[in-house]
Amino acid sequence: MEFFNKTGKMALGSRLRLLTAKMTDDAAKIYELYEIDFSPKWFPVLFVLAEEGGKTITEVAEEIGHSQPSVTKIIKEMTVAGLIDANIKSDDKRRNVVGLSKKGVDISDKIINVQCIDIDHAVKGLIDEATHNLWEAVAEWEFLLEQKSLLKRVLDEKKKRESKDVKIVEYQPKYQSAFRTLNEDWISNYFKMEEADYKALDHPEEYILNQGGKILVALYQDEPLGVCALIKMNDPDYDYEMAKMAVSPKAQGKSIGTLLGKSVIEKATELGASKLYLESNTILKPAINLYYKLGFEKITGRPTPYERCNIQMELDLKKS
């Protein structure tokens, strides 16, 4: 259709619904052709009960991949039509089992042993005529979407596009307020500000920059929405600590944390660092996951000035 040529792939769902509607309309007419008073949407429930006998509504829903409310509604409709016996006795009185009535069994025999055979041959002929095997393609798409949903795929593309508008720049005095506010907001949200926080955030030049460290700022549309510091350590095991990473909640989904982390690591490499160190808390699951993705590994046993620290990590730049 010309409409779908104009919209492109973004209207895939609409096109599939249109195709489904066409096939559903034909399905209703096919039941009439075989003189069967039956709704196409009932078929999955009928087939499962015909093949496997009595089941609970929950079991039927799991078997056919429908929601329990949807199956409950179908069961009610089929019961009214006289196809379902909803009072089947079960060894377990807690299980409300449903099954086909005699009328349901008779109709299922006609559908499965006569109508379905003709439909199978008709669909096979359609597949043979087509350039692409839709049945196999649907199975492949179902598998791929199970691995990664369309929503997640679109979210990744959105992040990728928006991350192109993010600029990572070095600290300037005009960013001191953002450096303090972004950090204070997230720290206060989960923990409490400590003495070491106030020193670094109120006097970044004195406690970070003048000691050989760096501060990077993430700008989105020229607004500072993320910060991260590289603090020089007086330690034989580590050159720098990656610290004071904070991202504004309104910047979520733009990969700013990842971009900042990668930029800090690149900056540390430029400065000749061989090992980085960081401290965090396991309550910050997204942050911990990010650190692992950046290559940091968990370590133990180092002293810390922060009460909130319950995980320490390191990154060996020689291995990365």
Protein backbone atom coordinates (compact mmCIF):
# COMPACT_ATOMS: atom_id res chain seq x y z
CA MET A 1 0.00 0.00 0.00
CA GLU A 2 1.15 3.53 -0.78
CA PHE A 3 0.57 4.59 2.84
CA PHE A 4 3.14 2.11 4.16
CA ASN A 5 5.61 3.12 1.46
CA LYS A 6 5.35 6.64 2.88
CA THR A 7 5.60 5.73 6.56
CA GLY A 8 8.35 3.16 6.19
CA LYS A 9 9.23 0.67 8.91
CA MET A 10 7.83 2.81 11.73
CA ALA A 11 4.34 1.58 10.79
CA LEU A 12 5.28 -2.11 11.02
CA GLY A 13 2.83 -2.69 13.88
CA SER A 14 -0.02 -1.09 11.93
CA ARG A 15 0.80 -3.17 8.87
CA LEU A 16 0.87 -6.38 10.90
CA ARG A 17 -2.47 -5.50 12.50
CA LEU A 18 -3.96 -4.94 9.04
CA LEU A 19 -2.64 -8.30 7.86
CA THR A 20 -3.97 -9.95 11.02
CA ALA A 21 -7.37 -8.33 10.47
CA LYS A 22 -7.50 -9.68 6.90
CA MET A 23 -6.65 -13.19 8.02
CA THR A 24 -9.09 -13.04 10.95
CA ASP A 25 -11.89 -11.94 8.62
CA ASP A 26 -11.12 -14.87 6.34
CA ALA A 27 -10.90 -17.22 9.31
CA ALA A 28 -14.45 -16.31 10.36
CA LYS A 29 -15.68 -16.99 6.82
CA ILE A 30 -13.79 -20.30 6.74
CA TYR A 31 -15.67 -21.51 9.84
CA GLU A 32 -18.91 -20.56 8.07
CA LEU A 33 -17.70 -22.51 5.02
CA TYR A 34 -17.50 -25.64 7.18
CA GLU A 35 -20.80 -24.78 8.86
CA ILE A 36 -19.20 -24.35 12.27
CA ASP A 37 -20.49 -21.66 14.64
CA PHE A 38 -17.15 -20.67 16.10
CA SER A 39 -15.05 -17.54 16.79
CA PRO A 40 -11.46 -17.63 15.45
CA LYS A 41 -10.07 -16.24 18.73
CA TRP A 42 -11.31 -19.37 20.55
CA PHE A 43 -9.11 -21.73 18.53
CA PRO A 44 -5.94 -21.74 20.71
CA VAL A 45 -7.99 -22.63 23.83
CA LEU A 46 -9.97 -25.28 21.94
CA PHE A 47 -6.82 -26.83 20.52
CA VAL A 48 -5.03 -27.07 23.89
CA LEU A 49 -8.03 -28.60 25.66
CA ALA A 50 -8.63 -31.01 22.77
CA GLU A 51 -5.00 -32.16 22.74
CA GLU A 52 -4.26 -32.24 26.45
CA GLY A 53 -7.59 -32.52 28.27
CA GLY A 54 -8.71 -30.53 31.29
CA LYS A 55 -6.53 -27.66 32.49
CA THR A 56 -6.72 -24.67 34.77
CA ILE A 57 -7.13 -21.24 33.21
CA THR A 58 -3.60 -20.37 34.33
CA GLU A 59 -2.20 -23.46 32.58
CA VAL A 60 -4.08 -22.66 29.39
CA ALA A 61 -2.83 -19.04 29.46
CA GLU A 62 0.79 -20.17 29.87
CA GLU A 63 0.43 -22.76 27.11
CA ILE A 64 -0.92 -20.36 24.47
CA GLY A 65 0.99 -17.23 25.58
CA HIS A 66 -2.09 -15.17 26.43
CA SER A 67 -2.84 -13.21 29.58
CA GLN A 68 -4.98 -14.89 32.23
CA PRO A 69 -7.77 -12.25 31.95
CA SER A 70 -7.89 -12.82 28.18
CA VAL A 71 -8.22 -16.59 28.59
CA THR A 72 -10.83 -16.14 31.34
CA LYS A 73 -12.94 -14.05 28.96
CA ILE A 74 -12.60 -16.63 26.16
CA ILE A 75 -13.50 -19.47 28.54
CA LYS A 76 -16.65 -17.60 29.57
CA GLU A 77 -17.65 -17.04 25.94
CA MET A 78 -17.03 -20.69 25.04
CA THR A 79 -19.00 -21.80 28.11
CA VAL A 80 -21.98 -19.72 27.00
CA ALA A 81 -21.64 -21.33 23.54
CA GLY A 82 -21.79 -24.77 25.17
CA LEU A 83 -18.22 -25.75 24.21
CA ILE A 84 -16.66 -25.71 27.68
CA ASP A 85 -17.44 -27.66 30.83
CA ALA A 86 -16.25 -25.48 33.70
CA ASN A 87 -17.23 -27.95 36.45
CA ILE A 88 -14.75 -30.75 35.90
CA LYS A 89 -13.79 -32.64 39.05
CA SER A 90 -10.13 -32.58 40.03
CA ASP A 91 -8.09 -34.64 42.49
CA ASP A 92 -6.85 -31.32 43.86
CA LYS A 93 -9.94 -29.40 45.02
CA ARG A 94 -7.93 -26.18 44.92
CA ARG A 95 -7.59 -26.44 41.11
CA ASN A 96 -10.47 -25.05 39.06
CA VAL A 97 -10.19 -27.22 35.93
CA VAL A 98 -11.99 -26.56 32.64
CA GLY A 99 -12.39 -28.90 29.69
CA LEU A 100 -14.36 -29.42 26.50
CA SER A 101 -18.00 -30.41 26.69
CA LYS A 102 -19.37 -33.13 24.36
CA LYS A 103 -20.34 -30.39 21.91
CA GLY A 104 -16.83 -28.93 22.20
CA VAL A 105 -15.25 -32.32 21.51
CA ASP A 106 -17.43 -32.85 18.43
CA ILE A 107 -16.56 -29.42 17.03
CA SER A 108 -12.85 -29.85 17.81
CA ASP A 109 -12.84 -33.15 15.89
CA LYS A 110 -14.36 -31.45 12.85
CA ILE A 111 -12.02 -28.46 13.04
CA ILE A 112 -8.79 -30.35 13.71
CA ASN A 113 -9.37 -33.44 11.54
CA VAL A 114 -11.06 -31.78 8.55
CA GLN A 115 -10.84 -27.99 8.44
CA CYS A 116 -7.24 -27.71 9.69
CA ILE A 117 -5.99 -30.15 7.05
CA ASP A 118 -7.43 -28.00 4.28
CA ILE A 119 -6.04 -24.85 5.89
CA ASP A 120 -2.57 -26.40 6.27
CA HIS A 121 -2.51 -27.24 2.55
CA ALA A 122 -3.75 -23.75 1.63
CA VAL A 123 -1.11 -22.02 3.78
CA LYS A 124 1.62 -24.30 2.40
CA GLY A 125 0.57 -23.28 -1.10
CA LEU A 126 0.76 -19.62 -0.08
CA ILE A 127 4.24 -20.14 1.37
CA ASP A 128 5.38 -21.90 -1.82
CA GLU A 129 4.14 -18.96 -3.92
CA ALA A 130 5.83 -16.35 -1.73
CA THR A 131 9.45 -15.25 -2.06
CA HIS A 132 9.85 -15.19 1.74
CA ASN A 133 8.60 -17.82 4.18
CA LEU A 134 6.43 -15.79 6.56
CA TRP A 135 5.97 -18.68 9.00
CA GLU A 136 9.72 -19.06 9.52
CA ALA A 137 10.22 -15.28 9.57
CA VAL A 138 7.61 -14.86 12.32
CA ALA A 139 9.34 -17.54 14.41
CA GLU A 140 12.67 -15.78 13.91
CA TRP A 141 11.21 -12.38 14.84
CA GLU A 142 9.56 -13.84 17.93
CA PHE A 143 12.93 -15.20 19.03
CA LEU A 144 14.77 -11.93 18.35
CA LEU A 145 12.16 -9.83 20.16
CA GLU A 146 12.29 -12.24 23.10
CA GLN A 147 16.03 -11.57 23.32
CA LYS A 148 15.60 -7.82 22.99
CA SER A 149 12.20 -6.11 22.75
CA LEU A 150 11.35 -3.46 20.18
CA LEU A 151 10.99 -0.98 23.06
CA LYS A 152 14.56 -1.69 24.21
CA ARG A 153 15.85 -1.43 20.65
CA VAL A 154 14.17 1.97 20.16
CA LEU A 155 15.47 3.11 23.55
CA ASP A 156 19.02 2.18 22.49
CA GLU A 157 18.63 4.15 19.25
CA LYS A 158 17.28 7.13 21.21
CA LYS A 159 20.30 6.99 23.53
CA LYS A 160 22.65 6.71 20.57
CA ARG A 161 21.10 9.75 18.84
CA GLU A 162 20.94 11.91 21.96
CA SER A 163 24.45 10.97 23.06
CA LYS A 164 25.75 12.62 19.88
CA ASP A 165 24.57 15.95 21.32
CA VAL A 166 26.55 15.44 24.52
CA LYS A 167 29.89 17.24 24.77
CA ILE A 168 32.51 16.34 27.36
CA VAL A 169 34.57 19.38 28.36
CA GLU A 170 37.14 20.13 31.02
CA TYR A 171 36.17 21.96 34.18
CA GLN A 172 35.99 25.74 34.29
CA PRO A 173 35.13 27.90 37.34
CA LYS A 174 31.66 28.55 35.87
CA TYR A 175 30.84 24.86 36.35
CA GLN A 176 31.63 24.83 40.09
CA SER A 177 27.97 25.28 41.03
CA ALA A 178 26.88 22.41 38.79
CA PHE A 179 29.70 20.21 40.11
CA ARG A 180 28.56 20.78 43.68
CA THR A 181 24.80 20.65 43.07
CA LEU A 182 24.79 17.49 40.96
CA ASN A 183 26.89 15.63 43.53
CA GLU A 184 25.08 16.97 46.57
CA ASP A 185 21.70 16.03 45.10
CA TRP A 186 22.51 12.36 44.54
CA ILE A 187 24.51 11.96 47.77
CA SER A 188 21.71 13.50 49.86
CA ASN A 189 19.14 11.37 48.06
CA TYR A 190 20.78 8.11 49.17
CA PHE A 191 23.17 8.95 52.00
CA LYS A 192 24.44 12.05 53.79
CA MET A 193 27.08 14.57 52.90
CA GLU A 194 30.42 13.95 54.65
CA GLU A 195 33.44 16.11 55.41
CA ALA A 196 35.43 14.81 52.45
CA ASP A 197 32.50 15.69 50.16
CA TYR A 198 32.37 19.30 51.31
CA LYS A 199 36.12 19.77 50.81
CA ALA A 200 36.13 18.49 47.23
CA LEU A 201 32.85 20.08 46.15
CA ASP A 202 33.34 23.49 47.75
CA HIS A 203 37.00 23.82 46.75
CA PRO A 204 37.58 21.70 43.62
CA GLU A 205 40.59 23.75 42.52
CA GLU A 206 42.39 23.31 45.85
CA TYR A 207 41.56 19.66 46.52
CA ILE A 208 41.41 18.23 42.98
CA LEU A 209 42.80 20.39 40.17
CA ASN A 210 45.84 21.90 41.93
CA GLN A 211 46.82 18.42 43.12
CA GLY A 212 47.18 17.15 39.54
CA GLY A 213 43.61 15.95 39.05
CA LYS A 214 40.97 16.68 36.45
CA ILE A 215 37.24 17.33 36.38
CA LEU A 216 35.17 16.60 33.29
CA VAL A 217 31.75 18.08 32.61
CA ALA A 218 29.08 16.64 30.31
CA LEU A 219 27.11 19.31 28.45
CA TYR A 220 23.79 18.56 26.79
CA GLN A 221 22.54 21.48 24.73
CA ASP A 222 25.16 23.55 26.58
CA GLU A 223 23.70 22.69 29.99
CA PRO A 224 26.00 20.88 32.48
CA LEU A 225 24.10 17.68 33.31
CA GLY A 226 26.93 15.39 34.37
CA VAL A 227 30.30 15.60 36.10
CA CYS A 228 33.14 13.30 37.08
CA ALA A 229 36.51 13.86 38.73
CA LEU A 230 39.89 12.23 38.33
CA ILE A 231 41.66 12.71 41.66
CA LYS A 232 45.45 12.27 41.94
CA MET A 233 46.31 9.71 44.62
CA ASN A 234 49.40 9.63 46.77
CA ASP A 235 49.44 5.85 46.70
CA PRO A 236 51.98 3.28 45.40
CA ASP A 237 49.19 1.07 43.99
CA TYR A 238 47.01 3.63 42.21
CA ASP A 239 47.60 6.77 40.17
CA TYR A 240 44.13 8.29 40.23
CA GLU A 241 40.72 7.80 41.78
CA MET A 242 37.63 8.14 39.61
CA ALA A 243 35.22 9.99 41.89
CA LYS A 244 32.38 12.45 42.19
CA MET A 245 30.48 11.10 39.19
CA ALA A 246 26.98 12.54 39.14
CA VAL A 247 24.35 12.84 36.42
CA SER A 248 21.15 14.86 36.51
CA PRO A 249 17.96 12.74 36.59
CA LYS A 250 16.64 14.68 33.58
CA ALA A 251 19.65 13.47 31.59
CA GLN A 252 18.86 9.79 32.07
CA GLY A 253 18.75 7.82 28.84
CA LYS A 254 21.41 9.88 27.10
CA SER A 255 24.36 7.63 28.04
CA ILE A 256 26.03 10.52 29.88
CA GLY A 257 27.39 8.26 32.62
CA THR A 258 29.00 5.97 30.07
CA LEU A 259 30.43 8.89 28.08
CA LEU A 260 31.85 10.48 31.23
CA GLY A 261 33.36 7.20 32.42
CA LYS A 262 35.03 6.52 29.08
CA SER A 263 36.31 10.10 28.87
CA VAL A 264 37.79 9.94 32.37
CA ILE A 265 39.56 6.69 31.52
CA GLU A 266 40.92 8.22 28.31
CA LYS A 267 42.11 11.26 30.26
CA ALA A 268 43.83 9.05 32.82
CA THR A 269 45.57 7.17 30.02
CA GLU A 270 46.75 10.46 28.49
CA LEU A 271 48.20 11.38 31.89
CA GLY A 272 50.18 8.16 31.95
CA ALA A 273 48.13 6.37 34.62
CA SER A 274 48.39 2.60 34.91
CA LYS A 275 45.70 1.94 37.53
CA LEU A 276 42.47 3.64 38.58
CA TYR A 277 40.58 3.24 41.84
CA LEU A 278 37.01 4.04 42.87
CA GLU A 279 34.66 3.70 45.83
CA SER A 280 30.90 3.29 45.74
CA ASN A 281 27.94 1.61 47.38
CA THR A 282 26.11 -1.47 46.10
CA ILE A 283 22.74 0.26 46.54
CA LEU A 284 23.67 2.21 43.40
CA LYS A 285 23.10 -0.72 41.05
CA PRO A 286 23.15 1.23 37.73
CA ALA A 287 26.45 2.84 38.72
CA ILE A 288 28.00 -0.48 39.76
CA ASN A 289 26.88 -2.06 36.47
CA LEU A 290 28.45 0.84 34.59
CA TYR A 291 31.76 0.40 36.40
CA TYR A 292 31.84 -3.28 35.53
CA LYS A 293 31.10 -2.46 31.89
CA LEU A 294 33.97 0.03 31.91
CA GLY A 295 36.29 -2.76 33.04
CA PHE A 296 36.56 -2.14 36.79
CA GLU A 297 36.91 -5.16 39.09
CA LYS A 298 35.98 -5.50 42.74
CA ILE A 299 38.72 -5.40 45.38
CA THR A 300 38.70 -5.40 49.20
CA GLY A 301 40.67 -4.26 52.21
CA ARG A 302 41.48 -0.61 51.58
CA PRO A 303 40.75 2.14 54.14
CA THR A 304 38.18 4.78 53.12
CA PRO A 305 37.18 8.21 54.45
CA TYR A 306 33.51 7.61 53.53
CA GLU A 307 30.91 5.91 55.74
CA ARG A 308 28.78 5.09 52.69
CA CYS A 309 31.49 3.10 50.91
CA ASN A 310 30.88 -0.65 50.88
CA ILE A 311 32.52 -1.57 47.56
CA GLN A 312 35.93 -0.71 46.16
CA MET A 313 37.01 -1.32 42.58
CA GLU A 314 40.06 -0.96 40.36
CA LEU A 315 40.83 -0.72 36.67
CA ASP A 316 44.18 -1.93 35.33
CA LEU A 317 44.73 0.30 32.30
CA LYS A 318 47.56 -1.90 31.09
CA LYS A 319 45.08 -4.71 30.49
CA SER A 320 42.33 -2.60 28.93
